Amino acid sequence: MCIFSYKVSPGTVQFVFFPIRIYYRLTKYLLGENYDPFEEREQGIHPIAQFYKDNQAILRVLVKSPSYVVFTIFFVLFVHFIYWRKSN
């Protein structure tokens, strides 16, 4: 089946709109079922941006920690390899 106006498959349409569906479900989960994430804002900051602003430090640690862990693992393996070669 094909969407004739744009000549794309339904799978492509689902792929393109996937981030919007994730955003919608995330806001419904965080802010309750009665929240309309697509209503226009007259003033103030959007709730998702407010959530990020309130929890900036925790979110940064969660995002950056995997790179530190990987670096630490490689460093330990490198040092272990150096000592292993010296002992043989």
PDB file of N, CA and C in Angstrom:
ATOM      1  N   MET A   1       0.843  -1.179   0.000  1.00  0.00           N
ATOM      2  CA  MET A   1       0.000   0.000   0.000  1.00  0.00           C
ATOM      3  C   MET A   1       0.892   1.247   0.000  1.00  0.00           C
ATOM      4  N   CYS A   2       0.440   2.277  -0.659  1.00  0.00           N
ATOM      5  CA  CYS A   2       1.244   3.486  -0.794  1.00  0.00           C
ATOM      6  C   CYS A   2       0.361   4.710  -0.557  1.00  0.00           C
ATOM      7  N   ILE A   3       0.909   5.723   0.083  1.00  0.00           N
ATOM      8  CA  ILE A   3       0.201   6.984   0.232  1.00  0.00           C
ATOM      9  C   ILE A   3       0.452   7.757  -1.051  1.00  0.00           C
ATOM     10  N   PHE A   4      -0.579   7.910  -1.851  1.00  0.00           N
ATOM     11  CA  PHE A   4      -0.401   8.398  -3.219  1.00  0.00           C
ATOM     12  C   PHE A   4      -0.008   9.862  -3.304  1.00  0.00           C
ATOM     13  N   SER A   5      -0.398  10.689  -2.335  1.00  0.00           N
ATOM     14  CA  SER A   5      -0.081  12.109  -2.447  1.00  0.00           C
ATOM     15  C   SER A   5       1.412  12.376  -2.298  1.00  0.00           C
ATOM     16  N   TYR A   6       2.121  11.547  -1.548  1.00  0.00           N
ATOM     17  CA  TYR A   6       3.551  11.752  -1.362  1.00  0.00           C
ATOM     18  C   TYR A   6       4.388  10.600  -1.904  1.00  0.00           C
ATOM     19  N   LYS A   7       3.738   9.539  -2.361  1.00  0.00           N
ATOM     20  CA  LYS A   7       4.411   8.356  -2.914  1.00  0.00           C
ATOM     21  C   LYS A   7       5.420   7.746  -1.940  1.00  0.00           C
ATOM     22  N   VAL A   8       4.996   7.632  -0.689  1.00  0.00           N
ATOM     23  CA  VAL A   8       5.812   6.966   0.314  1.00  0.00           C
ATOM     24  C   VAL A   8       4.999   5.855   0.952  1.00  0.00           C
ATOM     25  N   SER A   9       5.691   4.893   1.491  1.00  0.00           N
ATOM     26  CA  SER A   9       5.012   3.763   2.127  1.00  0.00           C
ATOM     27  C   SER A   9       4.547   4.159   3.531  1.00  0.00           C
ATOM     28  N   PRO A  10       3.575   3.431   4.061  1.00  0.00           N
ATOM     29  CA  PRO A  10       3.153   3.701   5.438  1.00  0.00           C
ATOM     30  C   PRO A  10       4.292   3.522   6.448  1.00  0.00           C
ATOM     31  N   GLY A  11       5.219   2.608   6.164  1.00  0.00           N
ATOM     32  CA  GLY A  11       6.364   2.429   7.054  1.00  0.00           C
ATOM     33  C   GLY A  11       7.229   3.675   7.127  1.00  0.00           C
ATOM     34  N   THR A  12       7.409   4.356   5.981  1.00  0.00           N
ATOM     35  CA  THR A  12       8.190   5.590   5.963  1.00  0.00           C
ATOM     36  C   THR A  12       7.482   6.682   6.754  1.00  0.00           C
ATOM     37  N   VAL A  13       6.171   6.766   6.600  1.00  0.00           N
ATOM     38  CA  VAL A  13       5.406   7.771   7.347  1.00  0.00           C
ATOM     39  C   VAL A  13       5.523   7.505   8.843  1.00  0.00           C
ATOM     40  N   GLN A  14       5.422   6.227   9.249  1.00  0.00           N
ATOM     41  CA  GLN A  14       5.561   5.889  10.662  1.00  0.00           C
ATOM     42  C   GLN A  14       6.955   6.238  11.179  1.00  0.00           C
ATOM     43  N   PHE A  15       7.970   6.010  10.359  1.00  0.00           N
ATOM     44  CA  PHE A  15       9.353   6.320  10.748  1.00  0.00           C
ATOM     45  C   PHE A  15       9.553   7.819  10.917  1.00  0.00           C
ATOM     46  N   VAL A  16       8.998   8.613  10.019  1.00  0.00           N
ATOM     47  CA  VAL A  16       9.170  10.068  10.073  1.00  0.00           C
ATOM     48  C   VAL A  16       8.465  10.655  11.288  1.00  0.00           C
ATOM     49  N   PHE A  17       7.287  10.135  11.620  1.00  0.00           N
ATOM     50  CA  PHE A  17       6.522  10.693  12.730  1.00  0.00           C
ATOM     51  C   PHE A  17       6.806  10.006  14.063  1.00  0.00           C
ATOM     52  N   PHE A  18       7.780   9.112  14.107  1.00  0.00           N
ATOM     53  CA  PHE A  18       8.137   8.421  15.344  1.00  0.00           C
ATOM     54  C   PHE A  18       8.574   9.380  16.457  1.00  0.00           C
ATOM     55  N   PRO A  19       9.455  10.372  16.178  1.00  0.00           N
ATOM     56  CA  PRO A  19       9.836  11.303  17.266  1.00  0.00           C
ATOM     57  C   PRO A  19       8.652  12.091  17.827  1.00  0.00           C
ATOM     58  N   ILE A  20       7.697  12.429  16.984  1.00  0.00           N
ATOM     59  CA  ILE A  20       6.524  13.167  17.463  1.00  0.00           C
ATOM     60  C   ILE A  20       5.691  12.282  18.371  1.00  0.00           C
ATOM     61  N   ARG A  21       5.530  11.015  18.010  1.00  0.00           N
ATOM     62  CA  ARG A  21       4.771  10.101  18.869  1.00  0.00           C
ATOM     63  C   ARG A  21       5.471   9.898  20.209  1.00  0.00           C
ATOM     64  N   ILE A  22       6.804   9.795  20.196  1.00  0.00           N
ATOM     65  CA  ILE A  22       7.556   9.641  21.448  1.00  0.00           C
ATOM     66  C   ILE A  22       7.367  10.879  22.323  1.00  0.00           C
ATOM     67  N   TYR A  23       7.460  12.062  21.710  1.00  0.00           N
ATOM     68  CA  TYR A  23       7.259  13.309  22.454  1.00  0.00           C
ATOM     69  C   TYR A  23       5.869  13.343  23.079  1.00  0.00           C
ATOM     70  N   TYR A  24       4.865  12.990  22.312  1.00  0.00           N
ATOM     71  CA  TYR A  24       3.489  13.011  22.794  1.00  0.00           C
ATOM     72  C   TYR A  24       3.316  12.055  23.969  1.00  0.00           C
ATOM     73  N   ARG A  25       3.813  10.846  23.829  1.00  0.00           N
ATOM     74  CA  ARG A  25       3.658   9.856  24.900  1.00  0.00           C
ATOM     75  C   ARG A  25       4.470  10.221  26.134  1.00  0.00           C
ATOM     76  N   LEU A  26       5.654  10.789  25.937  1.00  0.00           N
ATOM     77  CA  LEU A  26       6.478  11.216  27.062  1.00  0.00           C
ATOM     78  C   LEU A  26       5.799  12.323  27.852  1.00  0.00           C
ATOM     79  N   THR A  27       5.244  13.318  27.172  1.00  0.00           N
ATOM     80  CA  THR A  27       4.561  14.400  27.884  1.00  0.00           C
ATOM     81  C   THR A  27       3.304  13.910  28.573  1.00  0.00           C
ATOM     82  N   LYS A  28       2.587  12.997  27.956  1.00  0.00           N
ATOM     83  CA  LYS A  28       1.401  12.434  28.612  1.00  0.00           C
ATOM     84  C   LYS A  28       1.810  11.661  29.866  1.00  0.00           C
ATOM     85  N   TYR A  29       2.923  10.936  29.796  1.00  0.00           N
ATOM     86  CA  TYR A  29       3.383  10.159  30.945  1.00  0.00           C
ATOM     87  C   TYR A  29       3.858  11.070  32.076  1.00  0.00           C
ATOM     88  N   LEU A  30       4.651  12.100  31.729  1.00  0.00           N
ATOM     89  CA  LEU A  30       5.218  12.971  32.760  1.00  0.00           C
ATOM     90  C   LEU A  30       4.206  13.930  33.360  1.00  0.00           C
ATOM     91  N   LEU A  31       3.277  14.419  32.543  1.00  0.00           N
ATOM     92  CA  LEU A  31       2.412  15.501  32.989  1.00  0.00           C
ATOM     93  C   LEU A  31       0.947  15.111  33.155  1.00  0.00           C
ATOM     94  N   GLY A  32       0.615  13.850  32.958  1.00  0.00           N
ATOM     95  CA  GLY A  32      -0.746  13.395  33.185  1.00  0.00           C
ATOM     96  C   GLY A  32      -1.559  13.285  31.903  1.00  0.00           C
ATOM     97  N   GLU A  33      -2.623  12.527  31.977  1.00  0.00           N
ATOM     98  CA  GLU A  33      -3.447  12.259  30.797  1.00  0.00           C
ATOM     99  C   GLU A  33      -4.218  13.477  30.299  1.00  0.00           C
ATOM    100  N   ASN A  34      -4.482  14.450  31.158  1.00  0.00           N
ATOM    101  CA  ASN A  34      -5.258  15.617  30.746  1.00  0.00           C
ATOM    102  C   ASN A  34      -4.414  16.682  30.055  1.00  0.00           C
ATOM    103  N   TYR A  35      -3.115  16.509  30.017  1.00  0.00           N
ATOM    104  CA  TYR A  35      -2.230  17.503  29.418  1.00  0.00           C
ATOM    105  C   TYR A  35      -2.259  17.419  27.900  1.00  0.00           C
ATOM    106  N   ASP A  36      -2.370  18.572  27.253  1.00  0.00           N
ATOM    107  CA  ASP A  36      -2.333  18.641  25.791  1.00  0.00           C
ATOM    108  C   ASP A  36      -0.981  19.221  25.381  1.00  0.00           C
ATOM    109  N   PRO A  37      -0.051  18.396  24.896  1.00  0.00           N
ATOM    110  CA  PRO A  37       1.293  18.892  24.610  1.00  0.00           C
ATOM    111  C   PRO A  37       1.363  19.811  23.387  1.00  0.00           C
ATOM    112  N   PHE A  38       0.313  19.863  22.593  1.00  0.00           N
ATOM    113  CA  PHE A  38       0.348  20.657  21.366  1.00  0.00           C
ATOM    114  C   PHE A  38      -0.446  21.954  21.463  1.00  0.00           C
ATOM    115  N   GLU A  39      -0.902  22.321  22.668  1.00  0.00           N
ATOM    116  CA  GLU A  39      -1.614  23.595  22.805  1.00  0.00           C
ATOM    117  C   GLU A  39      -0.622  24.746  22.727  1.00  0.00           C
ATOM    118  N   GLU A  40      -1.087  25.870  22.276  1.00  0.00           N
ATOM    119  CA  GLU A  40      -0.196  27.026  22.148  1.00  0.00           C
ATOM    120  C   GLU A  40       0.037  27.671  23.503  1.00  0.00           C
ATOM    121  N   ARG A  41       1.247  28.144  23.714  1.00  0.00           N
ATOM    122  CA  ARG A  41       1.619  28.787  24.969  1.00  0.00           C
ATOM    123  C   ARG A  41       1.636  30.297  24.769  1.00  0.00           C
ATOM    124  N   GLU A  42       0.957  30.989  25.637  1.00  0.00           N
ATOM    125  CA  GLU A  42       0.947  32.450  25.580  1.00  0.00           C
ATOM    126  C   GLU A  42       2.180  33.018  26.283  1.00  0.00           C
ATOM    127  N   GLN A  43       2.540  32.425  27.399  1.00  0.00           N
ATOM    128  CA  GLN A  43       3.685  32.903  28.163  1.00  0.00           C
ATOM    129  C   GLN A  43       4.278  31.749  28.955  1.00  0.00           C
ATOM    130  N   GLY A  44       5.472  31.948  29.445  1.00  0.00           N
ATOM    131  CA  GLY A  44       6.114  30.921  30.256  1.00  0.00           C
ATOM    132  C   GLY A  44       6.893  29.925  29.421  1.00  0.00           C
ATOM    133  N   ILE A  45       7.499  28.977  30.109  1.00  0.00           N
ATOM    134  CA  ILE A  45       8.340  27.989  29.466  1.00  0.00           C
ATOM    135  C   ILE A  45       7.575  26.665  29.336  1.00  0.00           C
ATOM    136  N   HIS A  46       7.845  25.942  28.273  1.00  0.00           N
ATOM    137  CA  HIS A  46       7.181  24.662  28.044  1.00  0.00           C
ATOM    138  C   HIS A  46       7.562  23.689  29.167  1.00  0.00           C
ATOM    139  N   PRO A  47       6.643  22.814  29.581  1.00  0.00           N
ATOM    140  CA  PRO A  47       6.931  21.902  30.695  1.00  0.00           C
ATOM    141  C   PRO A  47       8.145  20.999  30.477  1.00  0.00           C
ATOM    142  N   ILE A  48       8.390  20.555  29.244  1.00  0.00           N
ATOM    143  CA  ILE A  48       9.567  19.710  28.994  1.00  0.00           C
ATOM    144  C   ILE A  48      10.843  20.525  29.213  1.00  0.00           C
ATOM    145  N   ALA A  49      10.863  21.749  28.711  1.00  0.00           N
ATOM    146  CA  ALA A  49      12.028  22.606  28.923  1.00  0.00           C
ATOM    147  C   ALA A  49      12.194  22.938  30.403  1.00  0.00           C
ATOM    148  N   GLN A  50      11.102  23.139  31.104  1.00  0.00           N
ATOM    149  CA  GLN A  50      11.154  23.405  32.539  1.00  0.00           C
ATOM    150  C   GLN A  50      11.706  22.191  33.295  1.00  0.00           C
ATOM    151  N   PHE A  51      11.282  20.990  32.896  1.00  0.00           N
ATOM    152  CA  PHE A  51      11.784  19.768  33.511  1.00  0.00           C
ATOM    153  C   PHE A  51      13.299  19.659  33.311  1.00  0.00           C
ATOM    154  N   TYR A  52      13.769  19.959  32.090  1.00  0.00           N
ATOM    155  CA  TYR A  52      15.208  19.909  31.822  1.00  0.00           C
ATOM    156  C   TYR A  52      15.954  20.952  32.664  1.00  0.00           C
ATOM    157  N   LYS A  53      15.375  22.145  32.756  1.00  0.00           N
ATOM    158  CA  LYS A  53      16.015  23.214  33.520  1.00  0.00           C
ATOM    159  C   LYS A  53      16.101  22.853  35.003  1.00  0.00           C
ATOM    160  N   ASP A  54      15.068  22.239  35.528  1.00  0.00           N
ATOM    161  CA  ASP A  54      15.049  21.866  36.940  1.00  0.00           C
ATOM    162  C   ASP A  54      16.002  20.716  37.256  1.00  0.00           C
ATOM    163  N   ASN A  55      16.209  19.804  36.302  1.00  0.00           N
ATOM    164  CA  ASN A  55      17.002  18.593  36.547  1.00  0.00           C
ATOM    165  C   ASN A  55      18.257  18.537  35.685  1.00  0.00           C
ATOM    166  N   GLN A  56      18.817  19.696  35.364  1.00  0.00           N
ATOM    167  CA  GLN A  56      19.953  19.781  34.457  1.00  0.00           C
ATOM    168  C   GLN A  56      21.161  18.979  34.920  1.00  0.00           C
ATOM    169  N   ALA A  57      21.522  19.088  36.170  1.00  0.00           N
ATOM    170  CA  ALA A  57      22.728  18.429  36.669  1.00  0.00           C
ATOM    171  C   ALA A  57      22.599  16.915  36.591  1.00  0.00           C
ATOM    172  N   ILE A  58      21.473  16.383  37.007  1.00  0.00           N
ATOM    173  CA  ILE A  58      21.261  14.935  36.971  1.00  0.00           C
ATOM    174  C   ILE A  58      21.273  14.427  35.536  1.00  0.00           C
ATOM    175  N   LEU A  59      20.596  15.135  34.639  1.00  0.00           N
ATOM    176  CA  LEU A  59      20.546  14.702  33.243  1.00  0.00           C
ATOM    177  C   LEU A  59      21.916  14.740  32.587  1.00  0.00           C
ATOM    178  N   ARG A  60      22.719  15.741  32.907  1.00  0.00           N
ATOM    179  CA  ARG A  60      24.067  15.810  32.334  1.00  0.00           C
ATOM    180  C   ARG A  60      24.938  14.656  32.812  1.00  0.00           C
ATOM    181  N   VAL A  61      24.824  14.303  34.080  1.00  0.00           N
ATOM    182  CA  VAL A  61      25.590  13.170  34.599  1.00  0.00           C
ATOM    183  C   VAL A  61      25.166  11.887  33.892  1.00  0.00           C
ATOM    184  N   LEU A  62      23.871  11.698  33.714  1.00  0.00           N
ATOM    185  CA  LEU A  62      23.382  10.488  33.050  1.00  0.00           C
ATOM    186  C   LEU A  62      23.832  10.416  31.598  1.00  0.00           C
ATOM    187  N   VAL A  63      23.916  11.548  30.929  1.00  0.00           N
ATOM    188  CA  VAL A  63      24.311  11.558  29.521  1.00  0.00           C
ATOM    189  C   VAL A  63      25.816  11.369  29.373  1.00  0.00           C
ATOM    190  N   LYS A  64      26.602  11.988  30.245  1.00  0.00           N
ATOM    191  CA  LYS A  64      28.053  11.950  30.098  1.00  0.00           C
ATOM    192  C   LYS A  64      28.717  10.759  30.781  1.00  0.00           C
ATOM    193  N   SER A  65      28.051  10.115  31.713  1.00  0.00           N
ATOM    194  CA  SER A  65      28.692   9.039  32.458  1.00  0.00           C
ATOM    195  C   SER A  65      29.078   7.836  31.600  1.00  0.00           C
ATOM    196  N   PRO A  66      28.320   7.432  30.586  1.00  0.00           N
ATOM    197  CA  PRO A  66      28.781   6.283  29.796  1.00  0.00           C
ATOM    198  C   PRO A  66      30.145   6.508  29.146  1.00  0.00           C
ATOM    199  N   SER A  67      30.433   7.703  28.690  1.00  0.00           N
ATOM    200  CA  SER A  67      31.738   7.942  28.076  1.00  0.00           C
ATOM    201  C   SER A  67      32.855   7.836  29.112  1.00  0.00           C
ATOM    202  N   TYR A  68      32.602   8.291  30.335  1.00  0.00           N
ATOM    203  CA  TYR A  68      33.607   8.168  31.394  1.00  0.00           C
ATOM    204  C   TYR A  68      33.834   6.704  31.765  1.00  0.00           C
ATOM    205  N   VAL A  69      32.769   5.942  31.809  1.00  0.00           N
ATOM    206  CA  VAL A  69      32.887   4.523  32.147  1.00  0.00           C
ATOM    207  C   VAL A  69      33.687   3.791  31.078  1.00  0.00           C
ATOM    208  N   VAL A  70      33.389   4.052  29.817  1.00  0.00           N
ATOM    209  CA  VAL A  70      34.114   3.396  28.723  1.00  0.00           C
ATOM    210  C   VAL A  70      35.591   3.790  28.767  1.00  0.00           C
ATOM    211  N   PHE A  71      35.889   5.060  28.973  1.00  0.00           N
ATOM    212  CA  PHE A  71      37.274   5.503  29.073  1.00  0.00           C
ATOM    213  C   PHE A  71      37.992   4.798  30.220  1.00  0.00           C
ATOM    214  N   THR A  72      37.343   4.687  31.358  1.00  0.00           N
ATOM    215  CA  THR A  72      37.943   4.034  32.513  1.00  0.00           C
ATOM    216  C   THR A  72      38.222   2.556  32.230  1.00  0.00           C
ATOM    217  N   ILE A  73      37.301   1.878  31.591  1.00  0.00           N
ATOM    218  CA  ILE A  73      37.498   0.459  31.263  1.00  0.00           C
ATOM    219  C   ILE A  73      38.693   0.295  30.329  1.00  0.00           C
ATOM    220  N   PHE A  74      38.773   1.124  29.286  1.00  0.00           N
ATOM    221  CA  PHE A  74      39.893   1.032  28.364  1.00  0.00           C
ATOM    222  C   PHE A  74      41.223   1.358  29.056  1.00  0.00           C
ATOM    223  N   PHE A  75      41.219   2.331  29.931  1.00  0.00           N
ATOM    224  CA  PHE A  75      42.431   2.694  30.660  1.00  0.00           C
ATOM    225  C   PHE A  75      42.904   1.552  31.547  1.00  0.00           C
ATOM    226  N   VAL A  76      41.978   0.934  32.268  1.00  0.00           N
ATOM    227  CA  VAL A  76      42.334  -0.188  33.151  1.00  0.00           C
ATOM    228  C   VAL A  76      42.862  -1.358  32.324  1.00  0.00           C
ATOM    229  N   LEU A  77      42.215  -1.653  31.202  1.00  0.00           N
ATOM    230  CA  LEU A  77      42.691  -2.736  30.345  1.00  0.00           C
ATOM    231  C   LEU A  77      44.071  -2.430  29.775  1.00  0.00           C
ATOM    232  N   PHE A  78      44.310  -1.186  29.409  1.00  0.00           N
ATOM    233  CA  PHE A  78      45.607  -0.790  28.880  1.00  0.00           C
ATOM    234  C   PHE A  78      46.706  -0.965  29.928  1.00  0.00           C
ATOM    235  N   VAL A  79      46.454  -0.494  31.138  1.00  0.00           N
ATOM    236  CA  VAL A  79      47.426  -0.632  32.221  1.00  0.00           C
ATOM    237  C   VAL A  79      47.656  -2.105  32.540  1.00  0.00           C
ATOM    238  N   HIS A  80      46.591  -2.878  32.561  1.00  0.00           N
ATOM    239  CA  HIS A  80      46.724  -4.323  32.808  1.00  0.00           C
ATOM    240  C   HIS A  80      47.575  -4.976  31.719  1.00  0.00           C
ATOM    241  N   PHE A  81      47.361  -4.601  30.467  1.00  0.00           N
ATOM    242  CA  PHE A  81      48.137  -5.153  29.361  1.00  0.00           C
ATOM    243  C   PHE A  81      49.613  -4.781  29.483  1.00  0.00           C
ATOM    244  N   ILE A  82      49.910  -3.547  29.875  1.00  0.00           N
ATOM    245  CA  ILE A  82      51.298  -3.102  30.044  1.00  0.00           C
ATOM    246  C   ILE A  82      51.985  -3.922  31.133  1.00  0.00           C
ATOM    247  N   TYR A  83      51.344  -4.094  32.283  1.00  0.00           N
ATOM    248  CA  TYR A  83      51.940  -4.877  33.370  1.00  0.00           C
ATOM    249  C   TYR A  83      52.066  -6.350  32.990  1.00  0.00           C
ATOM    250  N   TRP A  84      51.122  -6.867  32.235  1.00  0.00           N
ATOM    251  CA  TRP A  84      51.155  -8.251  31.805  1.00  0.00           C
ATOM    252  C   TRP A  84      52.351  -8.486  30.869  1.00  0.00           C
ATOM    253  N   ARG A  85      52.605  -7.515  29.962  1.00  0.00           N
ATOM    254  CA  ARG A  85      53.725  -7.664  29.036  1.00  0.00           C
ATOM    255  C   ARG A  85      55.055  -7.559  29.780  1.00  0.00           C
ATOM    256  N   LYS A  86      55.133  -6.715  30.791  1.00  0.00           N
ATOM    257  CA  LYS A  86      56.382  -6.580  31.549  1.00  0.00           C
ATOM    258  C   LYS A  86      56.686  -7.855  32.336  1.00  0.00           C
ATOM    259  N   SER A  87      55.646  -8.517  32.803  1.00  0.00           N
ATOM    260  CA  SER A  87      55.876  -9.729  33.614  1.00  0.00           C
ATOM    261  C   SER A  87      56.254 -10.919  32.753  1.00  0.00           C
ATOM    262  N   ASN A  88      55.933 -10.916  31.485  1.00  0.00           N
ATOM    263  CA  ASN A  88      56.285 -12.049  30.599  1.00  0.00           C
ATOM    264  C   ASN A  88      57.568 -11.833  29.921  1.00  0.00           C
TER     265      ASN A  88
END
